[in-house]
Protein backbone atom coordinates (compact mmCIF):
# COMPACT_ATOMS: atom_id res chain seq x y z
CA MET A 1 0.00 0.00 0.00
CA MET A 2 1.49 3.33 -1.07
CA ARG A 3 0.77 6.22 1.25
CA GLN A 4 0.30 9.57 -0.46
CA PRO A 5 1.50 12.81 1.16
CA ASP A 6 -1.16 14.82 2.99
CA SER A 7 -0.08 17.76 0.81
CA LEU A 8 1.64 17.40 -2.55
CA ILE A 9 2.55 19.96 -5.19
CA ASP A 10 4.41 18.91 -8.32
CA LEU A 11 4.46 21.57 -11.04
CA SER A 12 6.58 19.76 -13.63
CA HIS A 13 3.66 19.58 -16.10
CA LEU A 14 3.39 23.40 -16.30
CA ASP A 15 5.49 25.84 -18.32
CA ARG A 16 8.17 27.64 -16.33
CA LEU A 17 6.36 30.96 -15.85
CA ARG A 18 3.23 29.21 -14.60
CA GLN A 19 5.36 27.08 -12.27
CA VAL A 20 6.76 30.23 -10.64
CA GLU A 21 3.31 31.78 -10.31
CA ALA A 22 1.78 28.60 -8.91
CA TRP A 23 4.62 28.24 -6.41
CA ASP A 24 3.99 31.77 -5.16
CA GLU A 25 0.32 30.96 -4.72
CA TYR A 26 1.21 27.78 -2.83
CA THR A 27 3.65 29.44 -0.41
CA TRP A 28 2.06 32.90 -0.03
CA ARG A 29 1.09 32.42 3.62
CA GLU A 30 4.63 31.40 4.60
CA SER A 31 6.83 33.49 2.30
CA GLU A 32 7.17 34.98 -1.17
CA THR A 33 9.67 34.58 -4.00
CA THR A 34 11.04 37.90 -5.26
CA ASP A 35 13.76 36.88 -7.75
CA ARG A 36 11.56 35.51 -10.52
CA GLU A 37 14.15 36.00 -13.25
CA SER A 38 16.57 33.52 -11.68
CA ALA A 39 13.76 31.06 -11.05
CA LEU A 40 12.66 31.22 -14.68
CA HIS A 41 16.11 30.22 -15.96
CA ASP A 42 16.84 27.44 -13.46
CA ASP A 43 15.65 23.94 -14.37
CA THR A 44 15.33 22.73 -10.75
CA PRO A 45 11.77 21.43 -10.27
CA PHE A 46 9.24 23.02 -7.96
CA ARG A 47 8.04 20.24 -5.71
CA SER A 48 6.81 19.93 -2.13
CA ALA A 49 5.45 16.91 -0.31
CA ALA A 50 4.22 17.17 3.28
CA TRP A 51 3.07 14.53 5.74
CA LYS A 52 1.17 15.55 8.86
CA LEU A 53 2.13 13.23 11.69
CA LYS A 54 -0.11 14.11 14.61
CA ASP A 55 1.21 17.52 15.83
CA ILE A 56 4.19 17.80 13.46
CA VAL A 57 4.63 18.23 9.72
CA LEU A 58 7.46 16.54 7.82
CA THR A 59 8.30 17.93 4.38
CA GLU A 60 10.47 17.25 1.36
CA THR A 61 10.93 20.22 -0.98
CA SER A 62 12.88 21.36 -4.02
CA PHE A 63 12.90 24.78 -5.70
CA PRO A 64 15.29 26.75 -7.95
CA VAL A 65 17.66 29.56 -7.07
CA ALA A 66 15.48 32.27 -5.60
CA THR A 67 15.28 35.06 -3.07
CA VAL A 68 12.65 34.18 -0.48
CA LEU A 69 11.16 36.66 1.97
CA ARG A 70 9.35 35.86 5.19
CA MET A 71 8.41 39.11 6.89
CA ASN A 72 5.89 40.26 9.49
CA THR A 73 3.03 40.15 6.99
CA HIS A 74 3.67 36.44 6.38
CA ILE A 75 4.20 35.71 10.07
CA ARG A 76 0.84 37.31 10.92
CA ARG A 77 -0.89 35.14 8.28
CA ALA A 78 0.57 31.88 9.58
CA ARG A 79 1.29 30.31 12.96
CA ASP A 80 4.52 31.23 14.68
CA ASP A 81 4.41 28.92 17.73
CA TYR A 82 6.70 26.33 16.19
CA LEU A 83 10.31 25.56 15.44
CA ARG A 84 11.32 25.23 11.76
CA LEU A 85 13.99 22.68 10.94
CA ARG A 86 15.77 22.56 7.56
CA ILE A 87 18.36 20.19 6.14
CA PHE A 88 19.68 21.00 2.66
CA THR A 89 20.62 17.62 1.21
CA SER A 90 21.91 19.54 -1.83
CA GLY A 91 22.00 23.18 -2.80
CA GLY A 92 22.32 25.73 -0.02
CA GLY A 93 22.52 29.49 0.34
CA SER A 94 22.63 32.38 2.76
CA ALA A 95 20.12 34.47 4.67
CA LEU A 96 19.44 37.27 7.08
CA VAL A 97 17.50 35.82 10.01
CA ASP A 98 16.25 38.61 12.26
CA GLY A 99 19.19 40.67 10.99
CA SER A 100 21.90 38.04 11.58
CA ASP A 101 23.92 36.49 8.72
CA VAL A 102 23.32 32.77 8.28
CA ARG A 103 24.72 30.24 5.81
CA PHE A 104 22.99 27.03 4.78
CA THR A 105 25.49 24.26 4.04
CA PRO A 106 24.44 20.85 2.68
CA GLY A 107 24.10 18.33 5.47
CA ASP A 108 23.84 20.84 8.32
CA VAL A 109 20.69 20.98 10.44
CA SER A 110 19.29 24.52 10.75
CA PHE A 111 16.68 25.59 13.28
CA MET A 112 14.69 28.81 12.96
CA LYS A 113 11.97 30.18 15.19
CA GLY A 114 8.57 30.49 13.57
CA SER A 115 8.51 34.17 14.49
CA ALA A 116 11.84 34.94 12.75
CA GLN A 117 11.95 37.35 9.79
CA ILE A 118 13.98 35.80 6.96
CA GLN A 119 15.48 37.07 3.72
CA MET A 120 17.07 34.07 2.05
CA THR A 121 18.81 33.50 -1.27
CA ALA A 122 19.07 29.77 -1.79
CA SER A 123 18.78 26.85 -4.16
CA GLY A 124 16.78 24.07 -2.62
CA ARG A 125 17.37 21.07 -4.86
CA GLY A 126 16.63 18.86 -1.90
CA ILE A 127 15.39 20.05 1.47
CA VAL A 128 14.16 17.97 4.37
CA GLY A 129 11.94 20.08 6.62
CA LEU A 130 10.10 19.76 9.89
CA TYR A 131 7.56 22.02 11.60
CA ILE A 132 7.16 21.17 15.28
CA PRO A 133 5.35 23.15 18.02
CA TYR A 134 7.58 24.29 20.87
CA ASP A 135 5.43 22.73 23.57
CA THR A 136 5.57 19.35 21.85
CA ILE A 137 9.30 19.11 22.52
CA GLY A 138 9.32 21.08 25.77
CA LEU A 139 11.17 24.17 24.52
CA ASP A 140 10.75 27.73 25.72
CA PRO A 141 11.07 29.94 22.61
CA THR A 142 12.11 32.94 24.71
CA ARG A 143 15.33 31.10 25.57
CA LEU A 144 16.19 30.24 21.96
CA PRO A 145 18.09 32.32 19.42
CA SER A 146 16.29 33.12 16.16
CA HIS A 147 18.57 30.64 14.41
CA PHE A 148 21.05 27.96 15.37
CA ALA A 149 22.59 25.13 13.39
CA LEU A 150 24.21 21.76 13.99
CA SER A 151 26.94 20.46 11.72
CA GLY A 152 25.97 17.38 9.76
CA GLU A 153 29.29 15.89 10.84
CA ALA A 154 28.60 16.35 14.57
CA GLY A 155 26.79 13.80 16.69
CA ALA A 156 23.50 15.68 17.10
CA GLY A 157 23.33 16.68 13.43
CA ARG A 158 23.99 13.13 12.25
CA LEU A 159 21.37 11.74 14.60
CA ILE A 160 18.62 14.16 13.53
CA SER A 161 19.46 13.93 9.83
CA SER A 162 19.57 10.13 9.89
CA ALA A 163 16.25 9.86 11.72
CA LEU A 164 14.37 12.29 9.44
CA THR A 165 15.74 11.04 6.12
CA SER A 166 15.02 7.42 7.04
CA THR A 167 11.48 8.36 8.12
CA LEU A 168 10.89 10.13 4.80
CA ALA A 169 12.15 7.08 2.92
CA ASP A 170 9.68 4.90 4.84
CA MET A 171 6.67 7.20 4.39
CA PRO A 172 5.31 5.76 1.11
CA GLY A 173 4.89 2.32 2.71
CA THR A 174 3.73 3.49 6.13
CA ARG A 175 0.22 2.54 7.15
CA PRO A 176 -2.04 5.16 8.79
CA ASN A 177 -2.12 3.25 12.09
CA GLU A 178 1.69 3.44 12.23
CA MET A 179 1.79 7.24 11.94
CA PRO A 180 1.37 8.04 15.66
CA ALA A 181 4.37 5.86 16.52
CA LEU A 182 6.48 7.61 13.88
CA ALA A 183 5.46 11.03 15.21
CA ALA A 184 6.22 9.96 18.77
CA GLY A 185 9.60 8.71 17.64
CA ILE A 186 10.56 12.01 16.00
CA ILE A 187 9.29 14.00 18.98
CA GLY A 188 11.10 11.77 21.45
CA MET A 189 14.33 11.91 19.47
CA LEU A 190 14.26 15.72 19.27
CA ARG A 191 13.31 16.11 22.92
CA GLY A 192 16.22 13.91 23.89
CA VAL A 193 18.72 15.77 21.73
CA LEU A 194 17.43 19.29 22.42
CA ALA A 195 17.30 18.72 26.16
CA LEU A 196 20.87 20.02 25.88
CA THR A 197 19.46 23.42 25.04
CA ARG A 198 22.76 25.22 24.46
CA PRO A 199 23.71 24.86 20.77
CA ASP A 200 27.42 24.65 21.71
CA ASP A 201 26.72 21.62 23.90
CA LEU A 202 24.77 19.98 21.10
CA ALA A 203 27.56 20.57 18.60
CA ARG A 204 30.18 19.06 20.91
CA GLY A 205 28.18 16.00 21.95
CA SER A 206 29.25 12.69 20.47
CA PHE A 207 26.84 10.81 18.25
CA GLN A 208 26.70 7.85 20.64
CA VAL A 209 26.04 9.98 23.75
CA LEU A 210 23.34 12.05 22.07
CA ARG A 211 21.64 8.99 20.62
CA TRP A 212 21.65 7.33 24.02
CA HIS A 213 20.11 10.46 25.54
CA ALA A 214 17.44 10.54 22.82
CA VAL A 215 16.60 6.83 23.16
CA LYS A 216 16.41 7.10 26.95
CA THR A 217 14.06 10.11 26.73
CA TYR A 218 11.86 8.27 24.24
CA ILE A 219 11.67 5.21 26.51
CA ASP A 220 10.86 7.36 29.56
CA ASP A 221 8.01 9.01 27.63
CA HIS A 222 6.58 5.67 26.44
CA LEU A 223 7.04 3.27 29.36
CA ASP A 224 3.25 2.91 29.63
CA ASP A 225 3.12 1.66 26.02
CA LEU A 226 3.29 -2.09 26.45
CA ASP A 227 4.06 -2.55 22.74
CA LEU A 228 7.38 -0.73 23.12
CA ASP A 229 10.03 -3.17 21.90
CA VAL A 230 13.25 -3.65 19.95
CA VAL A 231 11.52 -3.39 16.57
CA ARG A 232 9.91 -0.03 17.45
CA LEU A 233 13.13 1.49 18.79
CA CYS A 234 15.18 0.32 15.80
CA LYS A 235 12.66 1.87 13.41
CA VAL A 236 12.34 5.16 15.29
CA PHE A 237 16.08 5.71 15.66
CA ASN A 238 17.23 4.03 12.44
CA MET A 239 19.38 1.58 14.41
CA SER A 240 20.33 -2.03 13.91
CA ARG A 241 19.40 -4.58 16.57
CA SER A 242 23.06 -5.15 17.36
CA SER A 243 23.60 -1.41 18.00
CA LEU A 244 20.57 -1.29 20.30
CA TYR A 245 21.68 -4.39 22.19
CA ARG A 246 25.17 -2.93 22.67
CA MET A 247 23.67 0.31 23.97
CA PHE A 248 21.83 -1.52 26.77
CA LYS A 249 24.40 -4.21 27.52
CA PRO A 250 25.74 -2.29 30.59
CA PHE A 251 22.19 -2.41 32.04
CA GLY A 252 21.80 -6.15 31.50
CA GLY A 253 19.94 -5.74 28.22
CA LEU A 254 16.97 -3.77 26.93
CA GLN A 255 14.30 -5.89 28.65
CA VAL A 256 16.08 -5.65 31.99
CA TYR A 257 16.28 -1.87 31.58
CA LEU A 258 12.57 -1.61 30.66
CA HIS A 259 11.57 -3.73 33.67
CA SER A 260 13.71 -1.70 36.04
CA GLN A 261 12.23 1.59 34.80
CA ARG A 262 8.66 0.27 34.97
CA LEU A 263 9.24 -1.07 38.48
CA ASP A 264 10.52 2.38 39.48
CA ARG A 265 7.27 3.86 38.16
CA CYS A 266 5.33 1.24 40.13
CA LEU A 267 7.11 2.30 43.31
CA ASP A 268 6.37 5.97 42.59
CA ASP A 269 2.67 5.18 42.14
CA LEU A 270 2.41 2.84 45.12
CA VAL A 271 3.81 5.28 47.66
CA ILE A 272 1.11 7.81 46.74
CA SER A 273 -1.69 5.24 46.50
CA ALA A 274 -4.46 4.98 49.06
CA PRO A 275 -3.97 1.74 51.04
CA ASP A 276 -7.21 0.20 49.83
CA ARG A 277 -7.97 -3.24 48.46
CA GLY A 278 -6.79 -3.66 44.87
CA SER A 279 -4.38 -0.68 44.77
CA VAL A 280 -1.33 -2.91 44.21
CA ARG A 281 -3.06 -4.81 41.41
CA ARG A 282 -4.16 -1.59 39.67
CA VAL A 283 -0.65 -0.12 39.73
CA ALA A 284 0.94 -3.37 38.56
CA GLU A 285 -1.42 -3.70 35.60
CA ARG A 286 -0.95 -0.04 34.66
CA TRP A 287 2.73 -0.81 34.05
CA GLY A 288 2.25 -4.19 32.34
CA TYR A 289 2.42 -6.70 35.19
CA PHE A 290 -0.64 -8.94 35.01
CA ASN A 291 0.75 -11.90 36.97
CA PRO A 292 0.73 -10.97 40.70
CA PRO A 293 3.30 -13.55 41.92
CA HIS A 294 5.66 -12.56 39.10
CA PHE A 295 5.23 -8.86 39.93
CA TYR A 296 5.80 -9.41 43.65
CA ARG A 297 9.03 -11.36 42.98
CA ARG A 298 10.40 -8.72 40.61
CA PHE A 299 9.43 -5.85 42.88
CA ARG A 300 11.00 -7.42 46.00
CA SER A 301 14.12 -8.34 44.05
CA ARG A 302 14.60 -4.71 42.98
CA PHE A 303 13.67 -2.87 46.19
CA GLY A 304 14.05 -5.36 49.02
CA PHE A 305 10.45 -5.01 50.22
CA SER A 306 7.02 -5.92 48.91
CA PRO A 307 4.54 -3.75 46.95
CA SER A 308 2.21 -3.80 49.98
CA ASP A 309 5.00 -2.34 52.10
CA ALA A 310 5.43 0.45 49.55
CA VAL A 311 1.78 1.46 49.96
CA GLU A 312 2.38 1.89 53.69
CA ILE A 313 5.43 4.14 53.20
CA ASP A 314 3.37 7.25 52.40
CA ALA A 315 1.12 6.85 55.44
CA ASN A 316 4.15 6.64 57.72
CA LEU A 317 5.80 9.61 56.02
CA GLU A 318 2.69 11.71 56.61
CA GLN A 319 3.06 11.13 60.34
CA ALA A 320 6.69 12.32 60.15
CA ILE A 321 5.97 15.54 58.20
CA LEU A 322 4.70 18.36 60.39
CA PRO A 323 4.55 21.60 58.36
CA SER A 324 3.80 24.89 60.05
CA ALA A 325 1.08 27.13 58.71
CA ASN A 326 3.48 29.22 56.61
CA GLU A 327 6.12 26.69 55.64
CA SER A 328 6.42 24.01 53.00
CA PRO A 329 6.60 20.44 54.36
CA THR A 330 10.08 19.28 55.34
CA LEU A 331 11.40 15.87 56.26
CA ASP A 332 14.16 15.37 58.80
CA SER A 333 16.72 12.57 58.68
CA ALA A 334 15.38 10.89 61.81
CA SER A 335 11.95 10.57 60.25
CA VAL A 336 13.43 9.01 57.12
CA LEU A 337 15.33 6.48 59.25
CA ASP A 338 12.14 5.66 61.18
CA CYS A 339 10.27 5.00 57.93
CA MET A 340 13.11 2.83 56.64
CA ALA A 341 13.02 0.87 59.90
CA ILE A 342 9.26 0.35 59.52
CA VAL A 343 9.74 -1.00 55.99
CA ASP A 344 12.62 -3.22 57.12
CA SER A 345 10.61 -4.63 60.01
CA THR A 346 7.53 -5.37 57.87
CA THR A 347 9.78 -7.00 55.28
CA ALA A 348 11.36 -9.17 57.96
CA ASP A 349 7.93 -10.12 59.33
CA SER A 350 6.70 -11.18 55.91
CA ASN A 351 9.74 -13.41 55.38
């Protein structure tokens, strides 16, 4: 089954003048082309394909040498609450982005704020693009420069470029029910990489370290997805099974890592659960443990006490926390030791 783009423009069947005019009509909300003479004499095709994946839009575009303007009039017509990502796979150019000189080099990953004014002269014979809302990847636009770029040779640039180009290559054969997982993968990958919000840190980071950070962030965001597995992670991050297995070897393997993280989430939920009948079962099933004896063994092996003991921790802590009317609750070391002793004693009794 071939999946068609959600938005496709291919003007190769038109004469050159009509191609230029049609392209202007297509892009008028975002920008406008001012150097028509150059565009008329360049044989690069006008083409844009866009796939909407949940909250993000992934694009593949080509256009001839042109001067492109994106000014306040365009910004007011379109949304500006997103980050624009561009990778020139060929071509390139230069621009003024909010008054700062910027160069677009093939292979580099460029980020521009949706609110940035741009005057760009470029040839886009192959551009991979991404529009992604700031809140989707947890970024505060007030802390970002109007433009920053990552070298395609650096770890972060290689990781982002590899993930997006492989996703584009897979799009024609992707089924609609697979689209949310692809979107989540791109979002998780970018959140993991851009968590290092200083561009200098991103540029210095090694490919392996940044990919590990991105994979870990993705896993943390999807621990409640019980279908999360090796196949999904390899597809999202364009990795081989052997690379993924090596990444998690220090943790005892991927499955061991997933179990440890899910058990940690179980503990977090249990200590804030009301000590009523069925609370342990509800928490266990929320994180994928449907066999109670199996869950109890795993939980005790990791923490040294039972899930039922964990439910009692919060009640004992409440007795130890005595906030005044105008102060936030505090916990002293003696109270912590008392609670630990209670857990230890109940664990010993149950043995």
